[in-house]
Amino acid sequence: MYTVTARHHGGEWYVDYELTDTMSLGGGPHFVIDARSGEITGRRYEQ
């Protein structure tokens, strides 16, 4: 299960997926999305 947060800052949306169980291994994706075009301008994945 993930907790998803989205925040708008400086013309971009930052969307983060965090595991709700702190004892779980791994992580979720993190995206940066251009607020005007909707294009994903950055992404990273935690392992």
N, C-alpha and C. Protein backbone atom coordinates (compact mmCIF):
# COMPACT_ATOMS: atom_id res chain seq x y z
N MET A 1 0.84 -1.18 0.00
CA MET A 1 0.00 0.00 0.00
C MET A 1 0.89 1.24 0.00
N TYR A 2 0.45 2.26 -0.68
CA TYR A 2 1.19 3.51 -0.78
C TYR A 2 0.37 4.67 -0.25
N THR A 3 1.07 5.66 0.24
CA THR A 3 0.48 6.96 0.51
C THR A 3 0.96 7.87 -0.62
N VAL A 4 0.02 8.49 -1.32
CA VAL A 4 0.37 9.34 -2.45
C VAL A 4 0.19 10.79 -2.04
N THR A 5 1.23 11.59 -2.30
CA THR A 5 1.14 13.02 -2.04
C THR A 5 1.45 13.77 -3.33
N ALA A 6 0.75 14.86 -3.52
CA ALA A 6 1.00 15.73 -4.68
C ALA A 6 1.08 17.16 -4.17
N ARG A 7 2.12 17.86 -4.62
CA ARG A 7 2.23 19.27 -4.23
C ARG A 7 2.66 20.07 -5.44
N HIS A 8 2.14 21.28 -5.51
CA HIS A 8 2.44 22.18 -6.62
C HIS A 8 3.45 23.21 -6.14
N HIS A 9 4.53 23.36 -6.91
CA HIS A 9 5.56 24.33 -6.54
C HIS A 9 6.30 24.77 -7.79
N GLY A 10 6.36 26.08 -8.00
CA GLY A 10 7.15 26.63 -9.10
C GLY A 10 6.75 26.15 -10.48
N GLY A 11 5.47 25.96 -10.72
CA GLY A 11 5.01 25.56 -12.05
C GLY A 11 5.10 24.07 -12.32
N GLU A 12 5.40 23.30 -11.28
CA GLU A 12 5.49 21.85 -11.44
C GLU A 12 4.72 21.15 -10.33
N TRP A 13 4.27 19.97 -10.64
CA TRP A 13 3.65 19.09 -9.65
C TRP A 13 4.67 18.03 -9.25
N TYR A 14 4.77 17.78 -7.97
CA TYR A 14 5.63 16.73 -7.43
C TYR A 14 4.71 15.67 -6.84
N VAL A 15 4.77 14.47 -7.41
CA VAL A 15 3.91 13.38 -6.98
C VAL A 15 4.80 12.27 -6.42
N ASP A 16 4.57 11.93 -5.16
CA ASP A 16 5.40 10.95 -4.47
C ASP A 16 4.54 9.80 -3.95
N TYR A 17 5.01 8.59 -4.16
CA TYR A 17 4.39 7.38 -3.64
C TYR A 17 5.30 6.84 -2.54
N GLU A 18 4.81 6.79 -1.32
CA GLU A 18 5.59 6.30 -0.19
C GLU A 18 4.91 5.05 0.38
N LEU A 19 5.69 4.04 0.68
CA LEU A 19 5.14 2.83 1.29
C LEU A 19 4.57 3.17 2.66
N THR A 20 3.39 2.65 2.96
CA THR A 20 2.78 2.93 4.27
C THR A 20 3.38 2.06 5.36
N ASP A 21 3.89 0.89 5.00
CA ASP A 21 4.51 0.00 5.98
C ASP A 21 6.00 0.30 6.02
N THR A 22 6.46 0.89 7.10
CA THR A 22 7.87 1.29 7.21
C THR A 22 8.81 0.10 7.28
N MET A 23 8.30 -1.09 7.54
CA MET A 23 9.14 -2.29 7.60
C MET A 23 9.30 -2.95 6.23
N SER A 24 8.58 -2.48 5.22
CA SER A 24 8.66 -3.05 3.88
C SER A 24 9.96 -2.60 3.21
N LEU A 25 10.46 -3.47 2.34
CA LEU A 25 11.63 -3.12 1.55
C LEU A 25 11.17 -2.50 0.24
N GLY A 26 12.00 -1.62 -0.29
CA GLY A 26 11.68 -1.01 -1.56
C GLY A 26 11.09 0.38 -1.37
N GLY A 27 10.45 0.84 -2.38
CA GLY A 27 9.87 2.17 -2.35
C GLY A 27 8.99 2.39 -3.55
N GLY A 28 8.57 3.59 -3.71
CA GLY A 28 7.66 3.90 -4.80
C GLY A 28 8.25 4.91 -5.77
N PRO A 29 7.52 5.18 -6.83
CA PRO A 29 7.98 6.16 -7.81
C PRO A 29 7.76 7.59 -7.33
N HIS A 30 8.54 8.48 -7.90
CA HIS A 30 8.44 9.92 -7.63
C HIS A 30 8.48 10.62 -8.99
N PHE A 31 7.49 11.46 -9.24
CA PHE A 31 7.38 12.12 -10.54
C PHE A 31 7.38 13.63 -10.38
N VAL A 32 7.91 14.31 -11.39
CA VAL A 32 7.80 15.75 -11.53
C VAL A 32 7.04 15.97 -12.83
N ILE A 33 5.94 16.74 -12.75
CA ILE A 33 5.06 16.93 -13.90
C ILE A 33 4.91 18.42 -14.17
N ASP A 34 5.12 18.82 -15.41
CA ASP A 34 4.94 20.21 -15.81
C ASP A 34 3.47 20.58 -15.67
N ALA A 35 3.17 21.64 -14.93
CA ALA A 35 1.79 22.03 -14.65
C ALA A 35 1.06 22.51 -15.90
N ARG A 36 1.78 23.04 -16.86
CA ARG A 36 1.12 23.55 -18.07
C ARG A 36 0.83 22.45 -19.08
N SER A 37 1.84 21.66 -19.37
CA SER A 37 1.70 20.68 -20.45
C SER A 37 1.24 19.30 -19.97
N GLY A 38 1.44 19.02 -18.68
CA GLY A 38 1.13 17.70 -18.16
C GLY A 38 2.22 16.67 -18.45
N GLU A 39 3.31 17.12 -19.06
CA GLU A 39 4.42 16.23 -19.40
C GLU A 39 5.22 15.86 -18.16
N ILE A 40 5.60 14.60 -18.06
CA ILE A 40 6.48 14.16 -16.98
C ILE A 40 7.89 14.62 -17.32
N THR A 41 8.45 15.49 -16.48
CA THR A 41 9.77 16.04 -16.74
C THR A 41 10.86 15.39 -15.90
N GLY A 42 10.47 14.60 -14.92
CA GLY A 42 11.44 13.90 -14.10
C GLY A 42 10.79 12.72 -13.43
N ARG A 43 11.58 11.70 -13.18
CA ARG A 43 11.08 10.52 -12.48
C ARG A 43 12.25 9.79 -11.84
N ARG A 44 11.96 9.19 -10.71
CA ARG A 44 12.94 8.32 -10.07
C ARG A 44 12.18 7.24 -9.32
N TYR A 45 12.86 6.14 -9.11
CA TYR A 45 12.24 4.99 -8.45
C TYR A 45 13.15 4.54 -7.32
N GLU A 46 12.59 4.32 -6.16
CA GLU A 46 13.37 3.82 -5.04
C GLU A 46 13.34 2.30 -5.06
N GLN A 47 14.44 1.69 -4.69
CA GLN A 47 14.54 0.24 -4.66
C GLN A 47 14.81 -0.21 -3.25
